[in-house]
Amino acid sequence: EQKCNIGLCFEEPTRYLAFKQPGVAGNIAALVLCSVLYLTLLLTYDKLRNRYLTNKKQVSRVPLVSVIREDEGVIDERERVYGNPKRDSLVLKDLQKTYRTKSGTMMVALNDVTIGVTRGE
């Protein structure tokens, strides 16, 4: 928009950060508001899904070492992996796998197994 004063004309600079057109401040404010709203909905959904929609029972990590004596090879492998973890290409530490039996009880198949696989093995 041009303004003239006493024979001198000058153009007023365009304010792109204004709320009125051609400014974009209104669009930025709407974007921030929508982002906060969507983030709140996402976090609420995730919390509710974890609390009410999952049907997993938590399995207590009972150490079976006191019940079942570990094999010497298992102990040696754990000490080898923890002693030099950079030697192995693939490392699985403290792996535990449980299964649900037909009666609904949980059965521990693996308990705190540590495995290291070297390159080419």
Protein backbone atom coordinates (compact mmCIF):
# COMPACT_ATOMS: atom_id res chain seq x y z
CA GLU A 1 0.00 0.00 0.00
CA GLN A 2 1.37 3.40 -1.00
CA LYS A 3 1.15 6.48 1.22
CA CYS A 4 1.84 9.95 0.00
CA ASN A 5 2.69 12.91 2.20
CA ILE A 6 3.65 16.35 0.96
CA GLY A 7 4.45 15.16 -2.51
CA LEU A 8 6.56 12.23 -1.31
CA CYS A 9 5.25 8.74 -1.82
CA PHE A 10 6.57 5.67 -0.05
CA GLU A 11 5.43 2.08 0.17
CA GLU A 12 4.59 0.67 3.58
CA PRO A 13 6.47 -2.58 4.28
CA THR A 14 4.44 -5.76 4.27
CA ARG A 15 4.08 -7.25 7.74
CA TYR A 16 4.21 -10.99 7.20
CA LEU A 17 4.01 -11.81 10.91
CA ALA A 18 0.73 -9.93 11.43
CA PHE A 19 -2.58 -11.64 12.21
CA LYS A 20 -4.33 -9.88 9.32
CA GLN A 21 -3.69 -10.86 5.71
CA PRO A 22 -1.08 -11.27 4.22
CA GLY A 23 0.38 -12.12 7.66
CA VAL A 24 0.79 -15.71 8.83
CA ALA A 25 0.63 -15.28 12.63
CA GLY A 26 -2.92 -16.63 12.76
CA ASN A 27 -1.88 -19.76 10.86
CA ILE A 28 1.12 -20.28 13.15
CA ALA A 29 -1.05 -19.88 16.27
CA ALA A 30 -3.56 -22.42 14.91
CA LEU A 31 -0.74 -24.85 14.11
CA VAL A 32 0.68 -24.59 17.63
CA LEU A 33 -2.76 -25.04 19.18
CA CYS A 34 -3.50 -28.12 17.04
CA SER A 35 -0.08 -29.59 17.83
CA VAL A 36 -0.66 -29.27 21.57
CA LEU A 37 -4.15 -30.76 21.22
CA TYR A 38 -2.96 -33.73 19.12
CA LEU A 39 -0.02 -34.42 21.43
CA THR A 40 -2.35 -34.40 24.44
CA LEU A 41 -4.75 -36.78 22.70
CA LEU A 42 -1.90 -39.10 21.69
CA LEU A 43 -0.46 -39.28 25.20
CA THR A 44 -3.92 -39.82 26.71
CA TYR A 45 -4.72 -42.58 24.22
CA ASP A 46 -1.40 -44.30 24.85
CA LYS A 47 -1.92 -44.18 28.61
CA LEU A 48 -5.47 -45.52 28.35
CA ARG A 49 -4.44 -48.22 25.87
CA ASN A 50 -1.70 -49.44 28.18
CA ARG A 51 -4.01 -49.44 31.17
CA TYR A 52 -7.27 -50.84 29.78
CA LEU A 53 -6.82 -52.34 26.33
CA THR A 54 -3.85 -54.65 26.83
CA ASN A 55 -4.60 -58.11 28.11
CA LYS A 56 -1.09 -58.97 29.22
CA LYS A 57 -0.47 -60.11 32.75
CA GLN A 58 2.81 -59.00 34.19
CA VAL A 59 5.15 -61.89 34.80
CA SER A 60 7.33 -61.55 37.84
CA ARG A 61 10.98 -62.13 37.08
CA VAL A 62 11.71 -64.92 39.51
CA PRO A 63 15.35 -65.89 39.35
CA LEU A 64 15.46 -69.62 38.68
CA VAL A 65 19.14 -69.79 39.55
CA SER A 66 18.23 -70.58 43.13
CA VAL A 67 15.81 -73.31 41.99
CA ILE A 68 17.68 -74.82 39.04
CA ARG A 69 21.47 -75.02 38.97
CA GLU A 70 22.89 -73.28 35.90
CA ASP A 71 25.11 -75.18 33.54
CA GLU A 72 28.78 -74.17 33.54
CA GLY A 73 28.58 -73.32 29.81
CA VAL A 74 25.78 -70.84 30.51
CA ILE A 75 27.80 -69.19 33.25
CA ASP A 76 30.93 -69.08 31.05
CA GLU A 77 29.02 -67.51 28.15
CA ARG A 78 27.50 -64.83 30.40
CA GLU A 79 30.93 -63.95 31.83
CA ARG A 80 32.46 -63.88 28.33
CA VAL A 81 29.79 -61.56 26.94
CA TYR A 82 29.83 -59.19 29.91
CA GLY A 83 33.64 -59.22 29.98
CA ASN A 84 34.14 -58.18 26.33
CA PRO A 85 30.87 -57.07 24.68
CA LYS A 86 32.58 -55.45 21.65
CA ARG A 87 33.91 -58.82 20.47
CA ASP A 88 30.48 -60.05 19.41
CA SER A 89 28.44 -58.90 16.41
CA LEU A 90 25.16 -59.82 18.10
CA VAL A 91 24.55 -59.68 21.86
CA LEU A 92 21.41 -60.73 23.72
CA LYS A 93 21.56 -59.88 27.41
CA ASP A 94 19.24 -61.17 30.13
CA LEU A 95 16.75 -62.63 27.65
CA GLN A 96 13.53 -63.97 29.14
CA LYS A 97 10.70 -65.76 27.33
CA THR A 98 7.41 -66.80 28.90
CA TYR A 99 4.46 -68.72 27.52
CA ARG A 100 0.85 -68.89 28.62
CA THR A 101 -0.34 -72.46 29.06
CA LYS A 102 -3.85 -73.61 28.15
CA SER A 103 -4.83 -73.35 31.81
CA GLY A 104 -3.82 -69.67 31.77
CA THR A 105 -0.74 -69.88 33.95
CA MET A 106 2.55 -68.44 32.82
CA MET A 107 5.50 -70.75 32.17
CA VAL A 108 9.06 -69.43 31.99
CA ALA A 109 10.97 -71.02 29.11
CA LEU A 110 14.12 -68.86 29.28
CA ASN A 111 15.23 -66.87 32.28
CA ASP A 112 18.09 -64.34 32.08
CA VAL A 113 19.95 -66.03 29.22
CA THR A 114 22.89 -64.07 27.79
CA ILE A 115 24.24 -64.98 24.35
CA GLY A 116 26.97 -63.45 22.22
CA VAL A 117 27.46 -64.34 18.53
CA THR A 118 30.79 -63.53 16.91
CA ARG A 119 31.17 -62.65 13.23
CA GLY A 120 31.01 -65.74 11.03
CA GLU A 121 29.57 -67.97 13.74
